[in-house]
Amino acid sequence: MSAAAAQLALLERARRLAAALLFAVEGSAPLPPGALLLVGEDGAIEGSLTGGCVESAVVQEARTLLRDGGAPRTLTYGIADELSGTVGLTCGGTVHVLLHELRDADRAPLAAFLAAAREAAPAALATLLDGPRAGARLALVGERIHGSLGIGALLDGNVAADARGLLARSGSEPLRYAADGAKHGGELTVLVQATTAPRRMLLVGANDFSAALAPLARTLGYRVTICDPRAAFASSPRFADAAEVVVGWPAEALAAQAPGPRDAVLVLSHDPKLDVPALRAALASEAGYVGALGSRRTTAERERRLRAAGVPERALARISAPCGLDIGGATPEEAAISILAELVARRNGRAGGRLGATSGTIRPRGDAVAIL
């Protein structure tokens, strides 16, 4: 069960809930703004704010709030000499958390957003951070608006319009509005979280490598398709359990999917009859990552065939082959880890070296994230 599905289940069964929203981060922190922790009156907990650094303290505050009541409040956790050995962030950052009891009116928009996240559908969630209505939520799923921030139609309309603009990319952004909801002002802050359609991954070749790669890629948010024209190979249930399976030629599958800059195509078939046309079709698409599995010798022979087929050198340079990072992987499972590690590194504009041998920030900056 995904985190969104677990939170939605708690939301649907709990009569009273406290919601803790990570809305701002200074320095380094394990999770970005938008992370949500729900605490039920029965003690049930779903979600995370920092991966464990401050959760216990927040849960204690949430249970006190549910027991005693009270207005929404802001909690701040950092690391300093006086906090060493107590609650705080060992990574050295500071996090700001909005804690409040979830109002009945705010259940529907939160449920709509979590349901969309569970199905990997594009959606946006706006949370008011200021004033007595702090914690009020508005969700945008498709063209439908769920809920209200409780200030007025002007604020709801402006936030919904800004949320639509953020749907082109995943992430969160604090937006400022005037007290009456006008766009130019600074009295009200609204955190808008947006989730886009999932990245797609097309795996050419139904074999042990695609069987190992598909479920891991799915945990990273990819919608995976395995394509193979050989029905006898593609019919195994181990493929259907983790991906959509298409029995057909790779060029046809690529034409149907039309991969874009956020998508990946991986050729894992080890068969020139599949490899060459699949790579030609992938290079003709806008796929952000094109990779091919194989030894050095296989890679050189495949490049020779592609040149003979008229593929120019600048297109060949797009192919990551042999695909993956150099971790010495020998099994299909280790190869899958290597390939996904390269994808994540590429997405975040990193070379993929050992963290212990590098310096600077570990988490990518928002402006450093690649389109892939």
Protein backbone atom coordinates (compact mmCIF):
# COMPACT_ATOMS: atom_id res chain seq x y z
CA MET A 1 0.00 0.00 0.00
CA SER A 2 1.35 3.42 -0.94
CA ALA A 3 1.75 6.21 1.61
CA ALA A 4 -1.14 8.11 0.01
CA ALA A 5 -3.39 5.05 0.17
CA ALA A 6 -2.53 4.46 3.84
CA GLN A 7 -3.25 8.11 4.72
CA LEU A 8 -6.51 8.00 2.80
CA ALA A 9 -7.59 4.88 4.66
CA LEU A 10 -6.88 6.56 8.01
CA LEU A 11 -8.71 9.69 6.91
CA GLU A 12 -11.78 7.66 6.00
CA ARG A 13 -11.98 5.66 9.24
CA ALA A 14 -10.85 8.14 11.92
CA ARG A 15 -13.48 10.35 13.54
CA ARG A 16 -10.91 12.93 14.67
CA LEU A 17 -7.47 13.58 13.19
CA ALA A 18 -4.57 15.91 13.80
CA ALA A 19 -2.64 16.92 10.70
CA ALA A 20 1.00 18.01 10.77
CA LEU A 21 2.24 19.64 7.56
CA LEU A 22 5.90 20.36 6.86
CA PHE A 23 5.61 23.76 5.18
CA ALA A 24 9.15 25.18 5.23
CA VAL A 25 12.73 23.92 5.43
CA GLU A 26 15.91 25.84 6.18
CA GLY A 27 19.16 24.14 5.27
CA SER A 28 19.13 20.38 4.92
CA ALA A 29 16.21 18.11 5.82
CA PRO A 30 15.30 14.54 4.85
CA LEU A 31 11.92 15.41 3.27
CA PRO A 32 10.75 18.45 1.29
CA PRO A 33 7.89 20.83 2.14
CA GLY A 34 4.52 19.20 1.66
CA ALA A 35 5.30 16.12 3.76
CA LEU A 36 2.25 15.22 5.86
CA LEU A 37 1.76 13.29 9.10
CA LEU A 38 -1.72 12.26 10.25
CA VAL A 39 -2.44 11.21 13.84
CA GLY A 40 -5.79 9.66 14.76
CA GLU A 41 -7.48 9.93 18.14
CA ASP A 42 -7.06 6.16 18.46
CA GLY A 43 -3.27 6.55 18.22
CA ALA A 44 -2.96 5.52 14.56
CA ILE A 45 -0.16 7.29 12.66
CA GLU A 46 0.39 7.58 8.90
CA GLY A 47 2.95 9.61 7.04
CA SER A 48 6.27 11.23 7.86
CA LEU A 49 7.79 14.68 8.18
CA THR A 50 11.52 14.09 8.48
CA GLY A 51 11.95 10.34 8.18
CA GLY A 52 12.08 9.91 11.97
CA CYS A 53 14.03 12.88 13.36
CA VAL A 54 11.13 14.75 14.99
CA GLU A 55 8.13 12.49 14.47
CA SER A 56 7.88 11.38 18.10
CA ALA A 57 7.76 14.97 19.35
CA VAL A 58 5.16 15.96 16.74
CA VAL A 59 2.98 12.95 17.54
CA GLN A 60 3.06 13.89 21.23
CA GLU A 61 2.00 17.45 20.36
CA ALA A 62 -0.75 16.08 18.09
CA ARG A 63 -2.16 13.83 20.79
CA THR A 64 -2.18 16.75 23.24
CA LEU A 65 -4.02 18.85 20.67
CA LEU A 66 -6.65 16.15 20.14
CA ARG A 67 -7.09 15.76 23.89
CA ASP A 68 -7.18 19.41 24.90
CA GLY A 69 -8.23 21.18 21.71
CA GLY A 70 -6.83 24.51 20.66
CA ALA A 71 -6.01 26.67 17.67
CA PRO A 72 -3.63 25.71 14.87
CA ARG A 73 -0.02 26.17 15.87
CA THR A 74 3.42 26.26 14.27
CA LEU A 75 6.17 23.95 15.52
CA THR A 76 9.83 24.55 14.73
CA TYR A 77 12.60 21.98 15.10
CA GLY A 78 16.29 22.53 14.43
CA ILE A 79 19.67 21.47 15.71
CA ALA A 80 21.78 23.57 18.04
CA ASP A 81 24.11 22.93 20.96
CA GLU A 82 21.27 23.18 23.43
CA LEU A 83 19.27 20.63 21.43
CA SER A 84 21.99 18.04 21.11
CA GLY A 85 20.79 14.76 22.51
CA THR A 86 17.15 15.88 22.43
CA VAL A 87 14.67 16.31 19.63
CA GLY A 88 16.13 17.90 16.53
CA LEU A 89 17.46 17.26 13.05
CA THR A 90 20.80 15.50 12.90
CA CYS A 91 21.17 16.71 9.30
CA GLY A 92 21.60 20.27 10.57
CA GLY A 93 18.50 21.87 9.10
CA THR A 94 15.43 23.51 10.56
CA VAL A 95 11.86 22.51 9.75
CA HIS A 96 8.60 24.38 10.30
CA VAL A 97 5.43 22.37 10.84
CA LEU A 98 1.80 23.46 10.90
CA LEU A 99 -0.19 21.37 13.40
CA HIS A 100 -3.98 21.51 13.60
CA GLU A 101 -7.02 19.36 14.04
CA LEU A 102 -8.49 18.47 10.68
CA ARG A 103 -11.84 20.18 10.26
CA ASP A 104 -14.77 18.33 8.69
CA ALA A 105 -14.78 20.79 5.79
CA ASP A 106 -11.15 20.00 4.99
CA ARG A 107 -11.53 16.22 4.81
CA ALA A 108 -13.01 16.20 1.30
CA PRO A 109 -10.21 18.17 -0.41
CA LEU A 110 -7.51 16.19 1.38
CA ALA A 111 -9.27 12.93 0.46
CA ALA A 112 -9.54 14.02 -3.18
CA PHE A 113 -5.83 14.84 -3.34
CA LEU A 114 -4.76 11.59 -1.63
CA ALA A 115 -7.03 9.56 -3.92
CA ALA A 116 -5.43 11.19 -6.95
CA ALA A 117 -1.95 10.55 -5.54
CA ARG A 118 -2.87 6.91 -4.92
CA GLU A 119 -3.80 6.57 -8.60
CA ALA A 120 -0.79 8.62 -9.76
CA ALA A 121 -3.10 11.22 -11.30
CA PRO A 122 -2.17 14.91 -11.58
CA ALA A 123 -3.56 16.98 -8.71
CA ALA A 124 -2.77 19.98 -6.51
CA LEU A 125 -3.44 20.65 -2.84
CA ALA A 126 -3.43 24.14 -1.33
CA THR A 127 -3.15 24.65 2.44
CA LEU A 128 -3.67 28.00 4.17
CA LEU A 129 -0.86 28.64 6.66
CA ASP A 130 -1.96 31.87 8.35
CA GLY A 131 -4.68 33.03 10.71
CA PRO A 132 -7.48 31.23 12.52
CA ARG A 133 -8.34 29.32 9.32
CA ALA A 134 -4.81 27.88 9.08
CA GLY A 135 -5.04 24.30 7.85
CA ALA A 136 -7.98 24.98 5.51
CA ARG A 137 -7.51 23.10 2.26
CA LEU A 138 -8.49 23.32 -1.38
CA ALA A 139 -7.74 20.58 -3.91
CA LEU A 140 -7.62 20.73 -7.69
CA VAL A 141 -8.16 17.37 -9.40
CA GLY A 142 -8.70 17.62 -13.13
CA GLU A 143 -10.85 20.69 -13.59
CA ARG A 144 -12.77 20.18 -10.36
CA ILE A 145 -12.12 22.23 -7.23
CA HIS A 146 -12.70 20.50 -3.89
CA GLY A 147 -13.12 22.51 -0.69
CA SER A 148 -12.38 26.12 0.16
CA LEU A 149 -9.73 28.06 2.04
CA GLY A 150 -12.53 29.86 3.85
CA ILE A 151 -11.49 33.42 3.07
CA GLY A 152 -13.58 34.06 -0.01
CA ALA A 153 -14.14 33.26 -3.66
CA LEU A 154 -11.35 35.59 -4.77
CA LEU A 155 -8.67 33.68 -2.86
CA ASP A 156 -10.06 30.29 -3.90
CA GLY A 157 -10.11 31.34 -7.55
CA ASN A 158 -6.60 32.80 -7.53
CA VAL A 159 -5.13 29.81 -5.71
CA ALA A 160 -6.82 27.38 -8.10
CA ALA A 161 -5.45 29.32 -11.09
CA ASP A 162 -1.93 29.32 -9.64
CA ALA A 163 -2.22 25.62 -8.79
CA ARG A 164 -3.03 24.84 -12.43
CA GLY A 165 0.21 26.54 -13.39
CA LEU A 166 2.17 24.31 -11.00
CA LEU A 167 0.72 21.08 -12.39
CA ALA A 168 3.40 21.00 -15.09
CA ARG A 169 5.87 19.85 -12.43
CA SER A 170 5.80 18.06 -9.12
CA GLY A 171 6.77 19.89 -5.95
CA SER A 172 5.53 22.51 -3.54
CA GLU A 173 5.67 26.29 -3.43
CA PRO A 174 4.52 28.89 -0.88
CA LEU A 175 2.41 31.58 -2.51
CA ARG A 176 1.48 34.96 -1.03
CA TYR A 177 -1.86 36.76 -1.30
CA ALA A 178 -3.54 39.83 0.10
CA ALA A 179 -5.94 39.53 3.03
CA ASP A 180 -8.91 39.59 0.66
CA GLY A 181 -7.36 36.96 -1.64
CA ALA A 182 -5.94 39.29 -4.29
CA LYS A 183 -2.74 38.11 -5.96
CA HIS A 184 -0.67 41.12 -4.96
CA GLY A 185 -0.16 41.12 -1.21
CA GLY A 186 1.63 39.40 1.59
CA GLU A 187 -0.84 38.90 4.41
CA LEU A 188 -1.73 35.28 3.58
CA THR A 189 0.58 32.38 2.74
CA VAL A 190 -0.71 29.28 0.97
CA LEU A 191 1.43 26.19 0.42
CA VAL A 192 0.54 24.60 -2.92
CA GLN A 193 1.65 21.02 -3.60
CA ALA A 194 1.41 19.66 -7.12
CA THR A 195 1.82 16.13 -8.42
CA THR A 196 2.13 15.47 -12.14
CA ALA A 197 1.33 12.41 -14.20
CA PRO A 198 3.90 9.68 -13.49
CA ARG A 199 7.04 9.27 -15.51
CA ARG A 200 6.83 6.40 -17.95
CA MET A 201 9.33 3.66 -18.66
CA LEU A 202 9.25 1.34 -21.66
CA LEU A 203 11.29 -1.84 -21.30
CA VAL A 204 12.03 -3.69 -24.53
CA GLY A 205 12.44 -7.42 -23.93
CA ALA A 206 10.60 -9.72 -21.54
CA ASN A 207 13.42 -11.35 -19.60
CA ASP A 208 15.00 -11.57 -16.15
CA PHE A 209 16.31 -8.01 -16.37
CA SER A 210 12.95 -6.43 -17.12
CA ALA A 211 11.34 -8.59 -14.42
CA ALA A 212 13.86 -7.24 -11.89
CA LEU A 213 13.69 -3.64 -13.09
CA ALA A 214 9.91 -3.16 -13.40
CA PRO A 215 8.89 -3.44 -9.71
CA LEU A 216 11.78 -1.26 -8.54
CA ALA A 217 11.01 1.38 -11.17
CA ARG A 218 7.39 1.39 -10.07
CA THR A 219 8.45 2.23 -6.49
CA LEU A 220 10.23 5.30 -7.93
CA GLY A 221 7.01 6.47 -9.51
CA TYR A 222 7.41 5.16 -13.05
CA ARG A 223 4.49 3.69 -14.96
CA VAL A 224 6.19 0.71 -16.58
CA THR A 225 5.43 -1.04 -19.86
CA ILE A 226 7.23 -4.19 -21.01
CA CYS A 227 7.16 -4.77 -24.76
CA ASP A 228 8.13 -7.96 -26.60
CA PRO A 229 6.78 -9.36 -29.88
CA ARG A 230 7.30 -12.92 -28.60
CA ALA A 231 4.07 -13.84 -26.86
CA ALA A 232 5.61 -16.95 -25.30
CA PHE A 233 8.16 -14.79 -23.47
CA ALA A 234 5.80 -11.95 -22.53
CA SER A 235 2.99 -14.13 -21.14
CA SER A 236 4.66 -14.93 -17.82
CA PRO A 237 2.69 -13.55 -14.85
CA ARG A 238 5.90 -12.19 -13.32
CA PHE A 239 5.78 -9.38 -15.87
CA ALA A 240 2.08 -8.57 -15.56
CA ASP A 241 2.42 -8.28 -11.78
CA ALA A 242 4.65 -5.21 -12.08
CA ALA A 243 3.93 -3.65 -15.46
CA GLU A 244 1.64 -3.34 -18.41
CA VAL A 245 2.67 -5.95 -20.98
CA VAL A 246 2.44 -5.25 -24.71
CA VAL A 247 2.92 -8.09 -27.18
CA GLY A 248 4.17 -6.31 -30.27
CA TRP A 249 7.12 -4.68 -31.97
CA PRO A 250 8.95 -1.99 -30.00
CA ALA A 251 8.59 0.65 -32.71
CA GLU A 252 4.82 0.27 -32.57
CA ALA A 253 4.78 0.52 -28.78
CA LEU A 254 6.97 3.63 -28.89
CA ALA A 255 4.75 5.26 -31.48
CA ALA A 256 1.70 4.57 -29.30
CA GLN A 257 3.31 5.92 -26.12
CA ALA A 258 5.13 8.92 -27.66
CA PRO A 259 7.61 9.20 -24.74
CA GLY A 260 8.53 12.70 -23.63
CA PRO A 261 11.45 14.34 -21.79
CA ARG A 262 10.45 12.83 -18.41
CA ASP A 263 10.24 9.29 -19.79
CA ALA A 264 12.79 6.49 -20.23
CA VAL A 265 13.25 3.77 -22.84
CA LEU A 266 15.46 0.80 -21.98
CA VAL A 267 16.41 -1.87 -24.49
CA LEU A 268 17.12 -5.09 -22.62
CA SER A 269 16.45 -7.70 -25.30
CA HIS A 270 20.00 -8.70 -26.44
CA ASP A 271 18.55 -9.40 -29.88
CA PRO A 272 19.59 -7.25 -32.87
CA LYS A 273 16.21 -7.82 -34.50
CA LEU A 274 14.68 -5.96 -31.55
CA ASP A 275 17.54 -3.77 -30.37
CA VAL A 276 18.24 -1.84 -33.56
CA PRO A 277 14.65 -0.90 -34.54
CA ALA A 278 13.79 -0.20 -30.90
CA LEU A 279 16.73 2.19 -30.48
CA ARG A 280 16.03 3.90 -33.80
CA ALA A 281 12.44 4.50 -32.72
CA ALA A 282 13.51 5.66 -29.25
CA LEU A 283 16.01 8.13 -30.73
CA ALA A 284 13.29 9.50 -32.99
CA SER A 285 11.16 10.22 -29.92
CA GLU A 286 11.58 12.88 -27.23
CA ALA A 287 12.46 10.34 -24.54
CA GLY A 288 14.68 11.94 -21.91
CA TYR A 289 16.67 8.76 -21.34
CA VAL A 290 17.52 6.03 -23.82
CA GLY A 291 19.52 3.12 -22.43
CA ALA A 292 20.66 -0.25 -23.67
CA LEU A 293 21.96 -3.26 -21.78
CA GLY A 294 24.95 -5.29 -22.91
CA SER A 295 28.65 -5.96 -22.70
CA ARG A 296 31.27 -3.65 -24.21
CA ARG A 297 31.45 -5.95 -27.22
CA THR A 298 27.65 -6.03 -27.61
CA THR A 299 27.53 -2.25 -27.33
CA ALA A 300 30.19 -1.75 -30.00
CA GLU A 301 28.47 -4.21 -32.37
CA ARG A 302 25.10 -2.55 -31.78
CA GLU A 303 26.53 0.89 -32.54
CA ARG A 304 27.99 -0.49 -35.78
CA ARG A 305 24.56 -1.79 -36.80
CA LEU A 306 22.93 1.53 -35.94
CA ARG A 307 25.46 3.48 -38.00
CA ALA A 308 24.85 1.12 -40.88
CA ALA A 309 21.13 1.82 -40.50
CA GLY A 310 21.81 5.55 -40.92
CA VAL A 311 21.72 6.74 -37.30
CA PRO A 312 23.99 9.82 -36.99
CA GLU A 313 26.67 10.15 -34.32
CA ARG A 314 24.84 12.93 -32.45
CA ALA A 315 21.88 10.57 -32.01
CA LEU A 316 24.09 7.69 -30.92
CA ALA A 317 25.49 9.96 -28.21
CA ARG A 318 22.03 10.00 -26.59
CA ILE A 319 22.21 6.28 -25.84
CA SER A 320 23.46 5.33 -22.38
CA ALA A 321 25.20 2.04 -23.09
CA PRO A 322 26.05 -0.03 -21.26
CA CYS A 323 23.32 1.54 -19.14
CA GLY A 324 23.68 1.98 -15.39
CA LEU A 325 26.31 3.12 -12.90
CA ASP A 326 29.49 1.15 -12.29
CA ILE A 327 28.64 -0.70 -9.07
CA GLY A 328 29.96 -4.10 -10.17
CA GLY A 329 26.48 -5.58 -10.44
CA ALA A 330 26.33 -9.16 -11.70
CA THR A 331 22.72 -10.28 -11.23
CA PRO A 332 19.59 -8.90 -12.90
CA GLU A 333 18.57 -7.37 -9.56
CA GLU A 334 21.92 -5.63 -9.16
CA ALA A 335 21.74 -4.44 -12.77
CA ALA A 336 18.30 -2.97 -12.02
CA ILE A 337 19.70 -1.03 -9.05
CA SER A 338 22.57 0.22 -11.22
CA ILE A 339 20.22 1.40 -13.98
CA LEU A 340 17.82 3.16 -11.63
CA ALA A 341 20.72 4.80 -9.81
CA GLU A 342 21.85 6.30 -13.11
CA LEU A 343 18.33 7.50 -13.88
CA VAL A 344 18.00 9.23 -10.51
CA ALA A 345 21.47 10.78 -10.85
CA ARG A 346 20.66 12.06 -14.33
CA ARG A 347 17.33 13.44 -13.17
CA ASN A 348 19.04 15.41 -10.42
CA GLY A 349 21.99 16.57 -12.48
CA ARG A 350 24.51 14.44 -10.59
CA ALA A 351 27.44 12.32 -11.77
CA GLY A 352 26.58 9.41 -9.49
CA GLY A 353 29.79 9.20 -7.43
CA ARG A 354 30.13 8.17 -3.77
CA LEU A 355 28.58 10.71 -1.42
CA GLY A 356 31.53 10.31 0.93
CA ALA A 357 33.85 11.47 -1.84
CA THR A 358 31.83 14.58 -2.70
CA SER A 359 31.04 17.88 -1.00
CA GLY A 360 28.12 20.28 -1.04
CA THR A 361 24.43 19.68 -0.56
CA ILE A 362 23.16 16.10 -0.71
CA ARG A 363 19.60 16.88 -1.73
CA PRO A 364 19.17 18.52 -5.14
CA ARG A 365 18.23 22.19 -5.26
CA GLY A 366 14.92 22.92 -6.92
CA ASP A 367 16.66 24.71 -9.80
CA ALA A 368 19.10 21.84 -10.32
CA VAL A 369 16.57 19.13 -11.11
CA ALA A 370 16.71 17.95 -14.72
CA ILE A 371 13.55 17.41 -16.75
CA LEU A 372 14.02 13.65 -16.87
